[in-house]
Amino acid sequence: MASVTALTNKRALKDVNVTDDDGSPSVVKKQKSTTAVGARKKDIQTIKSIIGDIYHPGIKAALENIIQNPTVAAPKKKDDATIEKLANKTVKSIQGLINGKLKWSNTFRNLKDGNKKGGRVEVVCTDPEVFERIFKDATIKKGKDGKMSCSAKTDGEAENWNLPFRGKSYRYDASYLHAPLSASLNGGTLSFSFKYSLECSGRLW
């Protein structure tokens, strides 16, 4: 008869070497544990029960992805073409929101003579590679919590970013983006903050 020290249930072992009474080796097989599977199912049930109360778009998208792909350990690394496509789509979304902020208003006349006003937009972005592609010419800081951010304090520094975002033209005037600029990626949300002014002529940026 085989003896096992500190282990009384042979079914709890997997390929564990034990010794028979005569000193010869013996191997006991373990039945596949269902603990991890059960824990995963409970986690999915918990997520489903609270997802209706989640309002943050980035967090909600991440939780929905877990529900739809519960057994996926880690996402596959995206190829360059996919990242570029997602970056272009994200840029288009950001520009659309900027255009909304810059929709003509009579109050814009107060922005002439160098006066500036601030704006901020947010879009869902769950891929750090996309953020890095959009702000590839900026100095990106990475926090321990996964947050990524970059900022430009002057227009000269902002021009070096070579951003794809632009101001907007009106009938007689045009709005221009100015520093300070800042961008961050945190919890699946990309935030972009900027200043803008109104001028009669000049380069759109």
Protein backbone atom coordinates (compact mmCIF):
# COMPACT_ATOMS: atom_id res chain seq x y z
CA MET A 1 0.00 0.00 0.00
CA ALA A 2 1.28 3.44 -0.88
CA SER A 3 1.74 6.06 1.85
CA VAL A 4 1.58 9.82 1.27
CA THR A 5 2.66 12.30 3.93
CA ALA A 6 0.30 15.24 4.58
CA LEU A 7 -1.98 14.18 1.69
CA THR A 8 -4.83 11.82 2.39
CA ASN A 9 -6.91 12.13 -0.76
CA LYS A 10 -5.17 10.66 -3.80
CA ARG A 11 -7.67 12.40 -6.09
CA ALA A 12 -6.19 15.74 -5.02
CA LEU A 13 -2.84 14.82 -6.58
CA LYS A 14 -1.63 15.18 -10.17
CA ASP A 15 1.39 13.17 -11.32
CA VAL A 16 2.72 13.24 -7.76
CA ASN A 17 5.53 10.84 -7.00
CA VAL A 18 4.84 8.81 -3.85
CA THR A 19 6.55 5.78 -2.38
CA ASP A 20 5.13 2.33 -1.80
CA ASP A 21 5.77 0.55 1.47
CA ASP A 22 8.55 -1.42 -0.22
CA GLY A 23 10.27 1.78 -1.37
CA SER A 24 9.30 1.52 -5.04
CA PRO A 25 7.93 4.69 -6.74
CA SER A 26 4.25 5.05 -7.43
CA VAL A 27 2.38 7.75 -9.31
CA VAL A 28 -1.07 9.00 -8.42
CA LYS A 29 -3.13 10.87 -11.02
CA LYS A 30 -5.27 13.87 -10.18
CA GLN A 31 -8.70 14.44 -11.60
CA LYS A 32 -8.98 17.75 -13.44
CA SER A 33 -9.91 20.53 -11.03
CA THR A 34 -13.05 22.53 -11.74
CA THR A 35 -12.26 25.26 -9.23
CA ALA A 36 -11.02 27.78 -11.83
CA VAL A 37 -13.96 27.09 -14.15
CA GLY A 38 -16.45 27.55 -11.34
CA ALA A 39 -14.79 30.79 -10.22
CA ARG A 40 -14.89 32.12 -13.77
CA LYS A 41 -18.60 31.39 -14.08
CA LYS A 42 -19.31 33.16 -10.80
CA ASP A 43 -17.28 36.18 -11.94
CA ILE A 44 -19.21 36.35 -15.21
CA GLN A 45 -22.51 36.19 -13.32
CA THR A 46 -21.36 39.01 -11.05
CA ILE A 47 -20.33 41.18 -14.02
CA LYS A 48 -23.68 40.57 -15.73
CA SER A 49 -25.51 41.62 -12.57
CA ILE A 50 -23.73 45.00 -12.33
CA ILE A 51 -23.00 45.94 -15.94
CA GLY A 52 -26.35 47.72 -16.22
CA ASP A 53 -25.18 50.17 -13.55
CA ILE A 54 -21.89 51.00 -15.32
CA TYR A 55 -21.93 54.30 -17.20
CA HIS A 56 -18.25 54.78 -18.08
CA PRO A 57 -18.02 53.72 -21.76
CA GLY A 58 -14.49 52.36 -21.51
CA ILE A 59 -15.15 50.24 -18.43
CA LYS A 60 -18.47 49.01 -19.82
CA ALA A 61 -16.83 47.98 -23.12
CA ALA A 62 -14.13 46.07 -21.25
CA LEU A 63 -16.68 44.21 -19.12
CA GLU A 64 -18.80 43.36 -22.16
CA ASN A 65 -15.69 41.95 -23.82
CA ILE A 66 -15.07 39.71 -20.79
CA ILE A 67 -18.66 38.44 -20.92
CA GLN A 68 -18.44 37.70 -24.65
CA ASN A 69 -14.98 36.12 -24.40
CA PRO A 70 -14.79 34.57 -20.92
CA THR A 71 -12.08 32.05 -21.77
CA VAL A 72 -9.72 34.42 -23.58
CA ALA A 73 -6.64 34.82 -21.40
CA ALA A 74 -5.11 37.73 -23.27
CA PRO A 75 -5.87 39.63 -26.48
CA LYS A 76 -3.73 38.93 -29.50
CA LYS A 77 -1.31 41.63 -30.48
CA LYS A 78 -2.72 43.68 -33.34
CA ASP A 79 -0.75 44.06 -36.54
CA ASP A 80 0.38 47.45 -37.83
CA ALA A 81 -2.39 47.74 -40.42
CA THR A 82 -5.08 47.12 -37.80
CA ILE A 83 -3.57 49.68 -35.42
CA GLU A 84 -3.41 52.25 -38.22
CA LYS A 85 -7.04 51.60 -39.14
CA LEU A 86 -8.18 51.96 -35.52
CA ALA A 87 -6.07 55.09 -35.08
CA ASN A 88 -7.66 56.72 -38.15
CA LYS A 89 -11.12 55.81 -36.88
CA THR A 90 -10.35 57.27 -33.46
CA VAL A 91 -8.93 60.45 -35.00
CA LYS A 92 -12.11 60.85 -37.04
CA SER A 93 -14.22 60.49 -33.90
CA ILE A 94 -12.13 63.05 -32.01
CA GLN A 95 -12.24 65.51 -34.91
CA GLY A 96 -16.00 65.15 -35.09
CA LEU A 97 -16.30 66.05 -31.41
CA ILE A 98 -13.90 68.98 -31.87
CA ASN A 99 -16.05 70.23 -34.75
CA GLY A 100 -19.02 70.07 -32.43
CA LYS A 101 -17.19 72.18 -29.86
CA LEU A 102 -16.23 74.67 -32.58
CA LYS A 103 -19.69 75.02 -34.05
CA TRP A 104 -20.22 78.71 -34.76
CA SER A 105 -21.65 80.82 -31.98
CA ASN A 106 -21.94 84.58 -31.72
CA THR A 107 -19.95 84.36 -28.50
CA PHE A 108 -16.94 83.33 -30.62
CA ARG A 109 -16.48 86.97 -31.59
CA ASN A 110 -15.09 87.46 -28.09
CA LEU A 111 -12.23 85.12 -29.03
CA LYS A 112 -10.66 87.58 -31.46
CA ASP A 113 -7.57 89.59 -30.55
CA GLY A 114 -5.82 86.59 -29.08
CA ASN A 115 -8.48 85.55 -26.57
CA LYS A 116 -8.76 81.79 -26.11
CA LYS A 117 -11.29 79.32 -24.84
CA GLY A 118 -10.79 75.75 -23.63
CA GLY A 119 -12.32 72.55 -24.93
CA ARG A 120 -12.22 68.87 -23.98
CA VAL A 121 -13.45 65.76 -25.78
CA GLU A 122 -13.49 62.06 -24.86
CA VAL A 123 -13.77 58.89 -26.93
CA VAL A 124 -13.56 55.17 -26.20
CA CYS A 125 -10.08 53.77 -26.85
CA THR A 126 -9.09 50.41 -25.36
CA ASP A 127 -5.79 49.98 -27.22
CA PRO A 128 -2.62 51.68 -25.91
CA GLU A 129 -1.05 51.11 -29.33
CA VAL A 130 -3.71 53.33 -30.90
CA PHE A 131 -2.99 56.13 -28.44
CA GLU A 132 0.73 55.82 -29.16
CA ARG A 133 0.09 55.92 -32.91
CA ILE A 134 -2.02 59.09 -32.74
CA PHE A 135 0.45 60.90 -30.47
CA LYS A 136 3.58 59.27 -31.87
CA ASP A 137 5.53 62.55 -32.01
CA ALA A 138 4.72 63.52 -28.42
CA THR A 139 6.58 62.44 -25.29
CA ILE A 140 4.21 59.94 -23.70
CA LYS A 141 4.40 59.28 -19.98
CA LYS A 142 3.28 55.89 -18.66
CA GLY A 143 2.03 55.44 -15.11
CA LYS A 144 2.18 52.31 -12.98
CA ASP A 145 -1.61 52.07 -13.16
CA GLY A 146 -1.47 51.82 -16.96
CA LYS A 147 -2.42 55.44 -17.59
CA MET A 148 -0.72 57.15 -20.54
CA SER A 149 -0.49 60.92 -21.00
CA CYS A 150 1.27 63.69 -22.87
CA SER A 151 1.09 67.48 -22.90
CA ALA A 152 2.36 70.52 -24.80
CA LYS A 153 2.57 73.86 -23.03
CA THR A 154 3.43 76.05 -26.03
CA ASP A 155 2.23 76.29 -29.64
CA GLY A 156 5.77 75.55 -30.82
CA GLU A 157 5.84 72.33 -28.82
CA ALA A 158 2.35 71.44 -30.03
CA GLU A 159 3.35 71.87 -33.68
CA ASN A 160 6.04 69.23 -33.18
CA TRP A 161 3.30 66.74 -32.35
CA ASN A 162 2.12 66.87 -35.99
CA LEU A 163 -1.43 66.23 -34.85
CA PRO A 164 -4.15 65.41 -37.38
CA PHE A 165 -6.68 67.59 -35.56
CA ARG A 166 -7.70 70.95 -37.03
CA GLY A 167 -9.80 74.02 -36.28
CA LYS A 168 -12.83 74.96 -38.33
CA SER A 169 -13.59 77.47 -41.10
CA TYR A 170 -16.60 79.77 -41.04
CA ARG A 171 -17.92 82.28 -43.56
CA TYR A 172 -15.59 85.11 -42.60
CA ASP A 173 -13.44 83.67 -39.82
CA ALA A 174 -11.67 80.50 -38.78
CA SER A 175 -10.99 78.86 -35.43
CA TYR A 176 -7.54 77.57 -34.55
CA LEU A 177 -6.35 75.04 -31.98
CA HIS A 178 -3.72 76.26 -29.55
CA ALA A 179 -1.61 75.02 -26.66
CA PRO A 180 -1.73 74.07 -23.94
CA LEU A 181 -2.74 70.66 -25.26
CA SER A 182 -3.02 67.48 -23.26
CA ALA A 183 -4.07 63.92 -24.00
CA SER A 184 -4.51 60.89 -21.78
CA LEU A 185 -5.62 57.27 -21.94
CA ASN A 186 -7.08 55.84 -18.78
CA GLY A 187 -9.60 53.08 -18.22
CA GLY A 188 -10.43 52.75 -21.90
CA THR A 189 -11.13 56.46 -22.38
CA LEU A 190 -9.01 58.80 -24.48
CA SER A 191 -9.29 62.45 -23.40
CA PHE A 192 -8.01 65.37 -25.44
CA SER A 193 -7.95 68.93 -24.10
CA PHE A 194 -7.10 72.04 -26.08
CA LYS A 195 -7.45 75.81 -26.37
CA TYR A 196 -8.88 77.56 -29.41
CA SER A 197 -9.19 81.10 -30.74
CA LEU A 198 -10.85 82.93 -33.63
CA GLU A 199 -8.96 84.80 -36.34
CA CYS A 200 -9.79 86.33 -39.71
CA SER A 201 -6.93 84.76 -41.63
CA GLY A 202 -3.95 82.48 -41.24
CA ARG A 203 -3.14 78.80 -41.18
CA LEU A 204 -5.73 76.38 -39.92
CA TRP A 205 -4.45 74.12 -37.18
